Amino acid sequence: RVWASARTRFSTEMAARRLKPLFDRVLVQRAEVIQKIGSVYIPETAQSKLSEGTVVSTGPGGRTQTGETVKMSLKEGDKVLLPEYGGDKVEIDSVEYTLYREGEILGILDTK
């Protein structure tokens, strides 16, 4: 299990290096759906799409009408609340990510 999490972390870091979003875009990896609890499998019909994820990388920020860059309020590693629909799906090294605009992200989850 430790190896699997290390592999996921490595693949996430590689994606962050390979795809740098532009402007106010945010690359997010959605949290995985729990398919099994102990020895009990949860049927697909009972599984819901999780509405949270982790920010993998961010762009430099949006632009004002005068051309000034507006700093992003999100940073890599933030746990965020995502909308049910929206975003552009991107697949890198067989791992699915979603690109959102910063304004589409509903909130930052406090992990403390």
PDB file of N, CA and C in Angstrom:
ATOM      1  N   ARG A   1       0.828  -1.195   0.000  1.00  0.00           N
ATOM      2  CA  ARG A   1       0.000   0.000   0.000  1.00  0.00           C
ATOM      3  C   ARG A   1       0.872   1.258   0.000  1.00  0.00           C
ATOM      4  N   VAL A   2       1.983   1.232   0.696  1.00  0.00           N
ATOM      5  CA  VAL A   2       2.880   2.386   0.700  1.00  0.00           C
ATOM      6  C   VAL A   2       3.430   2.614  -0.696  1.00  0.00           C
ATOM      7  N   TRP A   3       3.746   1.517  -1.397  1.00  0.00           N
ATOM      8  CA  TRP A   3       4.283   1.641  -2.751  1.00  0.00           C
ATOM      9  C   TRP A   3       3.267   2.287  -3.679  1.00  0.00           C
ATOM     10  N   ALA A   4       1.987   1.904  -3.555  1.00  0.00           N
ATOM     11  CA  ALA A   4       0.947   2.470  -4.426  1.00  0.00           C
ATOM     12  C   ALA A   4       0.810   3.966  -4.207  1.00  0.00           C
ATOM     13  N   SER A   5       0.860   4.422  -2.949  1.00  0.00           N
ATOM     14  CA  SER A   5       0.720   5.856  -2.701  1.00  0.00           C
ATOM     15  C   SER A   5       1.957   6.606  -3.200  1.00  0.00           C
ATOM     16  N   ALA A   6       3.130   5.995  -3.090  1.00  0.00           N
ATOM     17  CA  ALA A   6       4.353   6.623  -3.604  1.00  0.00           C
ATOM     18  C   ALA A   6       4.283   6.730  -5.116  1.00  0.00           C
ATOM     19  N   ARG A   7       3.747   5.705  -5.772  1.00  0.00           N
ATOM     20  CA  ARG A   7       3.615   5.722  -7.223  1.00  0.00           C
ATOM     21  C   ARG A   7       2.635   6.810  -7.654  1.00  0.00           C
ATOM     22  N   THR A   8       1.518   6.937  -6.951  1.00  0.00           N
ATOM     23  CA  THR A   8       0.539   7.973  -7.270  1.00  0.00           C
ATOM     24  C   THR A   8       1.147   9.353  -7.076  1.00  0.00           C
ATOM     25  N   ARG A   9       1.893   9.545  -5.984  1.00  0.00           N
ATOM     26  CA  ARG A   9       2.530  10.830  -5.725  1.00  0.00           C
ATOM     27  C   ARG A   9       3.529  11.148  -6.831  1.00  0.00           C
ATOM     28  N   PHE A  10       4.309  10.139  -7.272  1.00  0.00           N
ATOM     29  CA  PHE A  10       5.289  10.343  -8.332  1.00  0.00           C
ATOM     30  C   PHE A  10       4.589  10.721  -9.633  1.00  0.00           C
ATOM     31  N   SER A  11       3.492  10.023  -9.966  1.00  0.00           N
ATOM     32  CA  SER A  11       2.789  10.320 -11.207  1.00  0.00           C
ATOM     33  C   SER A  11       2.141  11.702 -11.154  1.00  0.00           C
ATOM     34  N   THR A  12       1.660  12.120  -9.977  1.00  0.00           N
ATOM     35  CA  THR A  12       1.089  13.453  -9.821  1.00  0.00           C
ATOM     36  C   THR A  12       2.156  14.518 -10.014  1.00  0.00           C
ATOM     37  N   GLU A  13       3.342  14.292  -9.456  1.00  0.00           N
ATOM     38  CA  GLU A  13       4.446  15.246  -9.622  1.00  0.00           C
ATOM     39  C   GLU A  13       4.864  15.343 -11.079  1.00  0.00           C
ATOM     40  N   MET A  14       4.870  14.215 -11.782  1.00  0.00           N
ATOM     41  CA  MET A  14       5.241  14.222 -13.195  1.00  0.00           C
ATOM     42  C   MET A  14       4.211  15.001 -14.015  1.00  0.00           C
ATOM     43  N   ALA A  15       2.937  14.835 -13.704  1.00  0.00           N
ATOM     44  CA  ALA A  15       1.891  15.563 -14.426  1.00  0.00           C
ATOM     45  C   ALA A  15       2.044  17.056 -14.209  1.00  0.00           C
ATOM     46  N   ALA A  16       2.390  17.436 -12.977  1.00  0.00           N
ATOM     47  CA  ALA A  16       2.563  18.860 -12.675  1.00  0.00           C
ATOM     48  C   ALA A  16       3.702  19.445 -13.499  1.00  0.00           C
ATOM     49  N   ARG A  17       4.725  18.670 -13.750  1.00  0.00           N
ATOM     50  CA  ARG A  17       5.847  19.164 -14.553  1.00  0.00           C
ATOM     51  C   ARG A  17       5.514  19.184 -16.041  1.00  0.00           C
ATOM     52  N   ARG A  18       4.691  18.240 -16.493  1.00  0.00           N
ATOM     53  CA  ARG A  18       4.404  18.123 -17.919  1.00  0.00           C
ATOM     54  C   ARG A  18       3.312  19.073 -18.396  1.00  0.00           C
ATOM     55  N   LEU A  19       2.410  19.464 -17.513  1.00  0.00           N
ATOM     56  CA  LEU A  19       1.310  20.349 -17.918  1.00  0.00           C
ATOM     57  C   LEU A  19       1.224  21.525 -16.955  1.00  0.00           C
ATOM     58  N   LYS A  20       1.547  22.690 -17.432  1.00  0.00           N
ATOM     59  CA  LYS A  20       1.436  23.919 -16.645  1.00  0.00           C
ATOM     60  C   LYS A  20       0.251  24.699 -17.200  1.00  0.00           C
ATOM     61  N   PRO A  21      -0.843  24.826 -16.428  1.00  0.00           N
ATOM     62  CA  PRO A  21      -2.024  25.542 -16.911  1.00  0.00           C
ATOM     63  C   PRO A  21      -1.720  27.018 -17.205  1.00  0.00           C
ATOM     64  N   LEU A  22      -2.482  27.596 -18.110  1.00  0.00           N
ATOM     65  CA  LEU A  22      -2.345  29.004 -18.455  1.00  0.00           C
ATOM     66  C   LEU A  22      -3.350  29.848 -17.678  1.00  0.00           C
ATOM     67  N   PHE A  23      -2.988  31.100 -17.466  1.00  0.00           N
ATOM     68  CA  PHE A  23      -3.845  32.104 -16.842  1.00  0.00           C
ATOM     69  C   PHE A  23      -4.435  31.608 -15.523  1.00  0.00           C
ATOM     70  N   ASP A  24      -5.785  31.609 -15.397  1.00  0.00           N
ATOM     71  CA  ASP A  24      -6.413  31.258 -14.120  1.00  0.00           C
ATOM     72  C   ASP A  24      -6.904  29.816 -14.095  1.00  0.00           C
ATOM     73  N   ARG A  25      -6.258  28.948 -14.845  1.00  0.00           N
ATOM     74  CA  ARG A  25      -6.645  27.536 -14.871  1.00  0.00           C
ATOM     75  C   ARG A  25      -5.964  26.776 -13.741  1.00  0.00           C
ATOM     76  N   VAL A  26      -6.651  25.708 -13.288  1.00  0.00           N
ATOM     77  CA  VAL A  26      -6.165  24.881 -12.183  1.00  0.00           C
ATOM     78  C   VAL A  26      -6.289  23.417 -12.603  1.00  0.00           C
ATOM     79  N   LEU A  27      -5.198  22.646 -12.474  1.00  0.00           N
ATOM     80  CA  LEU A  27      -5.210  21.219 -12.776  1.00  0.00           C
ATOM     81  C   LEU A  27      -5.494  20.472 -11.476  1.00  0.00           C
ATOM     82  N   VAL A  28      -6.582  19.676 -11.462  1.00  0.00           N
ATOM     83  CA  VAL A  28      -7.043  19.006 -10.250  1.00  0.00           C
ATOM     84  C   VAL A  28      -7.133  17.504 -10.488  1.00  0.00           C
ATOM     85  N   GLN A  29      -6.727  16.730  -9.486  1.00  0.00           N
ATOM     86  CA  GLN A  29      -6.939  15.291  -9.527  1.00  0.00           C
ATOM     87  C   GLN A  29      -8.064  14.986  -8.553  1.00  0.00           C
ATOM     88  N   ARG A  30      -9.162  14.439  -9.074  1.00  0.00           N
ATOM     89  CA  ARG A  30     -10.318  14.118  -8.221  1.00  0.00           C
ATOM     90  C   ARG A  30      -9.961  13.003  -7.252  1.00  0.00           C
ATOM     91  N   ALA A  31     -10.578  13.028  -6.074  1.00  0.00           N
ATOM     92  CA  ALA A  31     -10.390  11.962  -5.082  1.00  0.00           C
ATOM     93  C   ALA A  31     -11.008  10.683  -5.631  1.00  0.00           C
ATOM     94  N   GLU A  32     -10.412   9.549  -5.288  1.00  0.00           N
ATOM     95  CA  GLU A  32     -10.909   8.266  -5.782  1.00  0.00           C
ATOM     96  C   GLU A  32     -12.146   7.840  -4.999  1.00  0.00           C
ATOM     97  N   VAL A  33     -13.070   7.196  -5.704  1.00  0.00           N
ATOM     98  CA  VAL A  33     -14.296   6.695  -5.101  1.00  0.00           C
ATOM     99  C   VAL A  33     -13.977   5.407  -4.349  1.00  0.00           C
ATOM    100  N   ILE A  34     -14.510   5.265  -3.152  1.00  0.00           N
ATOM    101  CA  ILE A  34     -14.306   4.043  -2.372  1.00  0.00           C
ATOM    102  C   ILE A  34     -15.149   2.940  -2.991  1.00  0.00           C
ATOM    103  N   GLN A  35     -14.484   1.855  -3.418  1.00  0.00           N
ATOM    104  CA  GLN A  35     -15.189   0.756  -4.063  1.00  0.00           C
ATOM    105  C   GLN A  35     -15.361  -0.440  -3.150  1.00  0.00           C
ATOM    106  N   LYS A  36     -14.608  -0.455  -2.049  1.00  0.00           N
ATOM    107  CA  LYS A  36     -14.652  -1.604  -1.155  1.00  0.00           C
ATOM    108  C   LYS A  36     -14.411  -1.136   0.279  1.00  0.00           C
ATOM    109  N   ILE A  37     -15.223  -1.612   1.185  1.00  0.00           N
ATOM    110  CA  ILE A  37     -15.023  -1.339   2.606  1.00  0.00           C
ATOM    111  C   ILE A  37     -14.821  -2.695   3.275  1.00  0.00           C
ATOM    112  N   GLY A  38     -13.600  -2.920   3.749  1.00  0.00           N
ATOM    113  CA  GLY A  38     -13.274  -4.235   4.303  1.00  0.00           C
ATOM    114  C   GLY A  38     -13.358  -5.277   3.217  1.00  0.00           C
ATOM    115  N   SER A  39     -14.224  -6.246   3.383  1.00  0.00           N
ATOM    116  CA  SER A  39     -14.398  -7.276   2.360  1.00  0.00           C
ATOM    117  C   SER A  39     -15.708  -7.089   1.596  1.00  0.00           C
ATOM    118  N   VAL A  40     -16.394  -5.964   1.813  1.00  0.00           N
ATOM    119  CA  VAL A  40     -17.679  -5.696   1.161  1.00  0.00           C
ATOM    120  C   VAL A  40     -17.468  -4.753  -0.016  1.00  0.00           C
ATOM    121  N   TYR A  41     -17.893  -5.180  -1.202  1.00  0.00           N
ATOM    122  CA  TYR A  41     -17.815  -4.335  -2.388  1.00  0.00           C
ATOM    123  C   TYR A  41     -19.063  -3.474  -2.496  1.00  0.00           C
ATOM    124  N   ILE A  42     -18.873  -2.197  -2.815  1.00  0.00           N
ATOM    125  CA  ILE A  42     -19.990  -1.275  -2.977  1.00  0.00           C
ATOM    126  C   ILE A  42     -20.371  -1.268  -4.454  1.00  0.00           C
ATOM    127  N   PRO A  43     -21.635  -1.540  -4.799  1.00  0.00           N
ATOM    128  CA  PRO A  43     -22.025  -1.541  -6.215  1.00  0.00           C
ATOM    129  C   PRO A  43     -21.906  -0.148  -6.832  1.00  0.00           C
ATOM    130  N   GLU A  44     -21.656  -0.106  -8.137  1.00  0.00           N
ATOM    131  CA  GLU A  44     -21.463   1.176  -8.833  1.00  0.00           C
ATOM    132  C   GLU A  44     -22.666   2.090  -8.698  1.00  0.00           C
ATOM    133  N   THR A  45     -23.857   1.523  -8.634  1.00  0.00           N
ATOM    134  CA  THR A  45     -25.056   2.354  -8.530  1.00  0.00           C
ATOM    135  C   THR A  45     -25.122   3.080  -7.192  1.00  0.00           C
ATOM    136  N   ALA A  46     -24.479   2.538  -6.150  1.00  0.00           N
ATOM    137  CA  ALA A  46     -24.494   3.166  -4.833  1.00  0.00           C
ATOM    138  C   ALA A  46     -23.330   4.139  -4.649  1.00  0.00           C
ATOM    139  N   GLN A  47     -22.350   4.089  -5.553  1.00  0.00           N
ATOM    140  CA  GLN A  47     -21.204   4.987  -5.452  1.00  0.00           C
ATOM    141  C   GLN A  47     -21.581   6.346  -6.019  1.00  0.00           C
ATOM    142  N   SER A  48     -21.154   7.383  -5.353  1.00  0.00           N
ATOM    143  CA  SER A  48     -21.417   8.728  -5.864  1.00  0.00           C
ATOM    144  C   SER A  48     -20.106   9.350  -6.325  1.00  0.00           C
ATOM    145  N   LYS A  49     -20.214  10.284  -7.240  1.00  0.00           N
ATOM    146  CA  LYS A  49     -19.047  10.990  -7.740  1.00  0.00           C
ATOM    147  C   LYS A  49     -18.571  11.944  -6.640  1.00  0.00           C
ATOM    148  N   LEU A  50     -17.324  11.788  -6.227  1.00  0.00           N
ATOM    149  CA  LEU A  50     -16.816  12.652  -5.162  1.00  0.00           C
ATOM    150  C   LEU A  50     -16.606  14.061  -5.685  1.00  0.00           C
ATOM    151  N   SER A  51     -16.935  15.011  -4.851  1.00  0.00           N
ATOM    152  CA  SER A  51     -16.827  16.402  -5.273  1.00  0.00           C
ATOM    153  C   SER A  51     -15.641  17.096  -4.609  1.00  0.00           C
ATOM    154  N   GLU A  52     -14.577  16.336  -4.387  1.00  0.00           N
ATOM    155  CA  GLU A  52     -13.372  16.954  -3.861  1.00  0.00           C
ATOM    156  C   GLU A  52     -12.161  16.428  -4.608  1.00  0.00           C
ATOM    157  N   GLY A  53     -11.091  17.195  -4.546  1.00  0.00           N
ATOM    158  CA  GLY A  53      -9.878  16.814  -5.242  1.00  0.00           C
ATOM    159  C   GLY A  53      -8.691  17.582  -4.712  1.00  0.00           C
ATOM    160  N   THR A  54      -7.535  17.307  -5.312  1.00  0.00           N
ATOM    161  CA  THR A  54      -6.287  17.940  -4.904  1.00  0.00           C
ATOM    162  C   THR A  54      -5.729  18.743  -6.068  1.00  0.00           C
ATOM    163  N   VAL A  55      -5.313  19.968  -5.797  1.00  0.00           N
ATOM    164  CA  VAL A  55      -4.716  20.817  -6.822  1.00  0.00           C
ATOM    165  C   VAL A  55      -3.329  20.273  -7.142  1.00  0.00           C
ATOM    166  N   VAL A  56      -3.107  19.962  -8.421  1.00  0.00           N
ATOM    167  CA  VAL A  56      -1.824  19.434  -8.873  1.00  0.00           C
ATOM    168  C   VAL A  56      -0.924  20.575  -9.339  1.00  0.00           C
ATOM    169  N   SER A  57      -1.490  21.504 -10.097  1.00  0.00           N
ATOM    170  CA  SER A  57      -0.723  22.679 -10.513  1.00  0.00           C
ATOM    171  C   SER A  57      -1.665  23.815 -10.893  1.00  0.00           C
ATOM    172  N   THR A  58      -1.142  25.032 -10.870  1.00  0.00           N
ATOM    173  CA  THR A  58      -1.945  26.209 -11.183  1.00  0.00           C
ATOM    174  C   THR A  58      -1.220  27.080 -12.197  1.00  0.00           C
ATOM    175  N   GLY A  59      -1.982  27.883 -12.887  1.00  0.00           N
ATOM    176  CA  GLY A  59      -1.402  28.873 -13.781  1.00  0.00           C
ATOM    177  C   GLY A  59      -0.942  30.081 -12.987  1.00  0.00           C
ATOM    178  N   PRO A  60      -0.376  31.072 -13.664  1.00  0.00           N
ATOM    179  CA  PRO A  60       0.121  32.262 -12.953  1.00  0.00           C
ATOM    180  C   PRO A  60      -0.989  33.154 -12.418  1.00  0.00           C
ATOM    181  N   GLY A  61      -2.189  33.082 -13.001  1.00  0.00           N
ATOM    182  CA  GLY A  61      -3.308  33.912 -12.555  1.00  0.00           C
ATOM    183  C   GLY A  61      -3.974  34.594 -13.729  1.00  0.00           C
ATOM    184  N   GLY A  62      -5.157  35.146 -13.490  1.00  0.00           N
ATOM    185  CA  GLY A  62      -5.899  35.844 -14.534  1.00  0.00           C
ATOM    186  C   GLY A  62      -5.286  37.202 -14.830  1.00  0.00           C
ATOM    187  N   ARG A  63      -5.863  37.874 -15.805  1.00  0.00           N
ATOM    188  CA  ARG A  63      -5.374  39.206 -16.198  1.00  0.00           C
ATOM    189  C   ARG A  63      -6.495  40.217 -16.083  1.00  0.00           C
ATOM    190  N   THR A  64      -6.139  41.425 -15.680  1.00  0.00           N
ATOM    191  CA  THR A  64      -7.098  42.525 -15.645  1.00  0.00           C
ATOM    192  C   THR A  64      -7.155  43.153 -17.032  1.00  0.00           C
ATOM    193  N   GLN A  65      -8.028  44.128 -17.212  1.00  0.00           N
ATOM    194  CA  GLN A  65      -8.130  44.800 -18.513  1.00  0.00           C
ATOM    195  C   GLN A  65      -6.878  45.596 -18.839  1.00  0.00           C
ATOM    196  N   THR A  66      -6.123  45.973 -17.810  1.00  0.00           N
ATOM    197  CA  THR A  66      -4.886  46.716 -18.046  1.00  0.00           C
ATOM    198  C   THR A  66      -3.683  45.794 -18.256  1.00  0.00           C
ATOM    199  N   GLY A  67      -3.904  44.465 -18.162  1.00  0.00           N
ATOM    200  CA  GLY A  67      -2.831  43.502 -18.406  1.00  0.00           C
ATOM    201  C   GLY A  67      -2.081  43.041 -17.183  1.00  0.00           C
ATOM    202  N   GLU A  68      -2.484  43.516 -16.002  1.00  0.00           N
ATOM    203  CA  GLU A  68      -1.822  43.098 -14.773  1.00  0.00           C
ATOM    204  C   GLU A  68      -2.291  41.691 -14.385  1.00  0.00           C
ATOM    205  N   THR A  69      -1.379  40.886 -13.841  1.00  0.00           N
ATOM    206  CA  THR A  69      -1.712  39.530 -13.416  1.00  0.00           C
ATOM    207  C   THR A  69      -2.328  39.550 -12.020  1.00  0.00           C
ATOM    208  N   VAL A  70      -3.458  38.860 -11.881  1.00  0.00           N
ATOM    209  CA  VAL A  70      -4.130  38.724 -10.593  1.00  0.00           C
ATOM    210  C   VAL A  70      -3.661  37.410  -9.974  1.00  0.00           C
ATOM    211  N   LYS A  71      -3.040  37.465  -8.808  1.00  0.00           N
ATOM    212  CA  LYS A  71      -2.464  36.299  -8.155  1.00  0.00           C
ATOM    213  C   LYS A  71      -3.533  35.253  -7.846  1.00  0.00           C
ATOM    214  N   MET A  72      -3.166  33.977  -8.010  1.00  0.00           N
ATOM    215  CA  MET A  72      -4.077  32.870  -7.720  1.00  0.00           C
ATOM    216  C   MET A  72      -4.227  32.707  -6.207  1.00  0.00           C
ATOM    217  N   SER A  73      -5.439  32.342  -5.764  1.00  0.00           N
ATOM    218  CA  SER A  73      -5.655  32.090  -4.344  1.00  0.00           C
ATOM    219  C   SER A  73      -5.450  30.619  -4.009  1.00  0.00           C
ATOM    220  N   LEU A  74      -5.304  29.768  -5.021  1.00  0.00           N
ATOM    221  CA  LEU A  74      -5.049  28.345  -4.823  1.00  0.00           C
ATOM    222  C   LEU A  74      -3.574  28.054  -5.032  1.00  0.00           C
ATOM    223  N   LYS A  75      -3.101  26.989  -4.384  1.00  0.00           N
ATOM    224  CA  LYS A  75      -1.714  26.567  -4.577  1.00  0.00           C
ATOM    225  C   LYS A  75      -1.673  25.046  -4.663  1.00  0.00           C
ATOM    226  N   GLU A  76      -0.558  24.510  -5.131  1.00  0.00           N
ATOM    227  CA  GLU A  76      -0.407  23.064  -5.255  1.00  0.00           C
ATOM    228  C   GLU A  76      -0.599  22.400  -3.898  1.00  0.00           C
ATOM    229  N   GLY A  77      -1.332  21.281  -3.904  1.00  0.00           N
ATOM    230  CA  GLY A  77      -1.556  20.532  -2.675  1.00  0.00           C
ATOM    231  C   GLY A  77      -2.830  20.894  -1.941  1.00  0.00           C
ATOM    232  N   ASP A  78      -3.500  21.991  -2.321  1.00  0.00           N
ATOM    233  CA  ASP A  78      -4.757  22.368  -1.668  1.00  0.00           C
ATOM    234  C   ASP A  78      -5.829  21.319  -1.951  1.00  0.00           C
ATOM    235  N   LYS A  79      -6.625  20.991  -0.935  1.00  0.00           N
ATOM    236  CA  LYS A  79      -7.802  20.135  -1.106  1.00  0.00           C
ATOM    237  C   LYS A  79      -8.963  21.062  -1.409  1.00  0.00           C
ATOM    238  N   VAL A  80      -9.669  20.816  -2.515  1.00  0.00           N
ATOM    239  CA  VAL A  80     -10.705  21.738  -2.956  1.00  0.00           C
ATOM    240  C   VAL A  80     -12.037  21.029  -3.151  1.00  0.00           C
ATOM    241  N   LEU A  81     -13.109  21.798  -3.045  1.00  0.00           N
ATOM    242  CA  LEU A  81     -14.463  21.340  -3.309  1.00  0.00           C
ATOM    243  C   LEU A  81     -14.784  21.673  -4.758  1.00  0.00           C
ATOM    244  N   LEU A  82     -15.213  20.668  -5.521  1.00  0.00           N
ATOM    245  CA  LEU A  82     -15.414  20.829  -6.964  1.00  0.00           C
ATOM    246  C   LEU A  82     -16.896  20.831  -7.324  1.00  0.00           C
ATOM    247  N   PRO A  83     -17.242  21.480  -8.440  1.00  0.00           N
ATOM    248  CA  PRO A  83     -18.627  21.420  -8.909  1.00  0.00           C
ATOM    249  C   PRO A  83     -18.928  20.023  -9.451  1.00  0.00           C
ATOM    250  N   GLU A  84     -20.209  19.662  -9.467  1.00  0.00           N
ATOM    251  CA  GLU A  84     -20.595  18.337  -9.956  1.00  0.00           C
ATOM    252  C   GLU A  84     -20.289  18.200 -11.445  1.00  0.00           C
ATOM    253  N   TYR A  85     -20.514  19.258 -12.201  1.00  0.00           N
ATOM    254  CA  TYR A  85     -20.265  19.239 -13.641  1.00  0.00           C
ATOM    255  C   TYR A  85     -19.278  20.341 -13.996  1.00  0.00           C
ATOM    256  N   GLY A  86     -18.672  20.215 -15.149  1.00  0.00           N
ATOM    257  CA  GLY A  86     -17.769  21.259 -15.618  1.00  0.00           C
ATOM    258  C   GLY A  86     -16.338  20.783 -15.659  1.00  0.00           C
ATOM    259  N   GLY A  87     -15.480  21.653 -16.110  1.00  0.00           N
ATOM    260  CA  GLY A  87     -14.071  21.326 -16.234  1.00  0.00           C
ATOM    261  C   GLY A  87     -13.792  20.543 -17.506  1.00  0.00           C
ATOM    262  N   ASP A  88     -12.534  20.500 -17.885  1.00  0.00           N
ATOM    263  CA  ASP A  88     -12.095  19.761 -19.067  1.00  0.00           C
ATOM    264  C   ASP A  88     -11.234  18.595 -18.620  1.00  0.00           C
ATOM    265  N   LYS A  89     -11.651  17.379 -18.999  1.00  0.00           N
ATOM    266  CA  LYS A  89     -10.894  16.198 -18.606  1.00  0.00           C
ATOM    267  C   LYS A  89      -9.619  16.074 -19.439  1.00  0.00           C
ATOM    268  N   VAL A  90      -8.520  15.723 -18.754  1.00  0.00           N
ATOM    269  CA  VAL A  90      -7.220  15.557 -19.389  1.00  0.00           C
ATOM    270  C   VAL A  90      -6.632  14.256 -18.849  1.00  0.00           C
ATOM    271  N   GLU A  91      -6.078  13.432 -19.736  1.00  0.00           N
ATOM    272  CA  GLU A  91      -5.451  12.191 -19.292  1.00  0.00           C
ATOM    273  C   GLU A  91      -3.957  12.260 -19.572  1.00  0.00           C
ATOM    274  N   ILE A  92      -3.152  12.080 -18.521  1.00  0.00           N
ATOM    275  CA  ILE A  92      -1.700  12.100 -18.643  1.00  0.00           C
ATOM    276  C   ILE A  92      -1.171  10.823 -18.004  1.00  0.00           C
ATOM    277  N   ASP A  93      -0.434  10.032 -18.765  1.00  0.00           N
ATOM    278  CA  ASP A  93       0.135   8.773 -18.267  1.00  0.00           C
ATOM    279  C   ASP A  93      -0.931   7.897 -17.623  1.00  0.00           C
ATOM    280  N   SER A  94      -2.072   7.753 -18.277  1.00  0.00           N
ATOM    281  CA  SER A  94      -3.191   6.921 -17.828  1.00  0.00           C
ATOM    282  C   SER A  94      -3.806   7.376 -16.505  1.00  0.00           C
ATOM    283  N   VAL A  95      -3.561   8.614 -16.103  1.00  0.00           N
ATOM    284  CA  VAL A  95      -4.187   9.178 -14.901  1.00  0.00           C
ATOM    285  C   VAL A  95      -5.070  10.333 -15.353  1.00  0.00           C
ATOM    286  N   GLU A  96      -6.315  10.345 -14.869  1.00  0.00           N
ATOM    287  CA  GLU A  96      -7.266  11.372 -15.300  1.00  0.00           C
ATOM    288  C   GLU A  96      -7.215  12.589 -14.383  1.00  0.00           C
ATOM    289  N   TYR A  97      -7.116  13.747 -14.978  1.00  0.00           N
ATOM    290  CA  TYR A  97      -7.118  15.030 -14.275  1.00  0.00           C
ATOM    291  C   TYR A  97      -8.215  15.885 -14.888  1.00  0.00           C
ATOM    292  N   THR A  98      -8.571  16.968 -14.214  1.00  0.00           N
ATOM    293  CA  THR A  98      -9.564  17.897 -14.737  1.00  0.00           C
ATOM    294  C   THR A  98      -9.025  19.315 -14.625  1.00  0.00           C
ATOM    295  N   LEU A  99      -9.194  20.086 -15.696  1.00  0.00           N
ATOM    296  CA  LEU A  99      -8.800  21.499 -15.716  1.00  0.00           C
ATOM    297  C   LEU A  99     -10.020  22.359 -15.421  1.00  0.00           C
ATOM    298  N   TYR A 100      -9.917  23.228 -14.427  1.00  0.00           N
ATOM    299  CA  TYR A 100     -10.982  24.161 -14.072  1.00  0.00           C
ATOM    300  C   TYR A 100     -10.438  25.576 -14.123  1.00  0.00           C
ATOM    301  N   ARG A 101     -11.323  26.540 -14.280  1.00  0.00           N
ATOM    302  CA  ARG A 101     -10.956  27.933 -14.029  1.00  0.00           C
ATOM    303  C   ARG A 101     -11.030  28.133 -12.518  1.00  0.00           C
ATOM    304  N   GLU A 102     -10.220  29.029 -12.005  1.00  0.00           N
ATOM    305  CA  GLU A 102     -10.196  29.242 -10.561  1.00  0.00           C
ATOM    306  C   GLU A 102     -11.583  29.617 -10.031  1.00  0.00           C
ATOM    307  N   GLY A 103     -12.351  30.384 -10.800  1.00  0.00           N
ATOM    308  CA  GLY A 103     -13.683  30.805 -10.380  1.00  0.00           C
ATOM    309  C   GLY A 103     -14.687  29.671 -10.294  1.00  0.00           C
ATOM    310  N   GLU A 104     -14.410  28.525 -10.943  1.00  0.00           N
ATOM    311  CA  GLU A 104     -15.320  27.380 -10.901  1.00  0.00           C
ATOM    312  C   GLU A 104     -15.143  26.553  -9.624  1.00  0.00           C
ATOM    313  N   ILE A 105     -13.980  26.662  -8.983  1.00  0.00           N
ATOM    314  CA  ILE A 105     -13.716  25.915  -7.757  1.00  0.00           C
ATOM    315  C   ILE A 105     -14.608  26.501  -6.652  1.00  0.00           C
ATOM    316  N   LEU A 106     -15.322  25.633  -5.941  1.00  0.00           N
ATOM    317  CA  LEU A 106     -16.302  26.091  -4.963  1.00  0.00           C
ATOM    318  C   LEU A 106     -15.684  26.518  -3.642  1.00  0.00           C
ATOM    319  N   GLY A 107     -14.553  25.907  -3.266  1.00  0.00           N
ATOM    320  CA  GLY A 107     -13.938  26.275  -1.999  1.00  0.00           C
ATOM    321  C   GLY A 107     -12.715  25.436  -1.699  1.00  0.00           C
ATOM    322  N   ILE A 108     -11.977  25.867  -0.682  1.00  0.00           N
ATOM    323  CA  ILE A 108     -10.799  25.129  -0.215  1.00  0.00           C
ATOM    324  C   ILE A 108     -11.186  24.405   1.060  1.00  0.00           C
ATOM    325  N   LEU A 109     -10.898  23.094   1.118  1.00  0.00           N
ATOM    326  CA  LEU A 109     -11.219  22.303   2.303  1.00  0.00           C
ATOM    327  C   LEU A 109     -10.086  22.424   3.307  1.00  0.00           C
ATOM    328  N   ASP A 110     -10.429  22.695   4.545  1.00  0.00           N
ATOM    329  CA  ASP A 110      -9.429  22.814   5.603  1.00  0.00           C
ATOM    330  C   ASP A 110      -9.081  21.408   6.069  1.00  0.00           C
ATOM    331  N   THR A 111      -7.814  21.035   5.986  1.00  0.00           N
ATOM    332  CA  THR A 111      -7.393  19.674   6.342  1.00  0.00           C
ATOM    333  C   THR A 111      -6.830  19.575   7.757  1.00  0.00           C
ATOM    334  N   LYS A 112      -6.962  20.632   8.550  1.00  0.00           N
ATOM    335  CA  LYS A 112      -6.428  20.621   9.921  1.00  0.00           C
ATOM    336  C   LYS A 112      -7.334  19.871  10.856  1.00  0.00           C
TER     337      LYS A 112
END
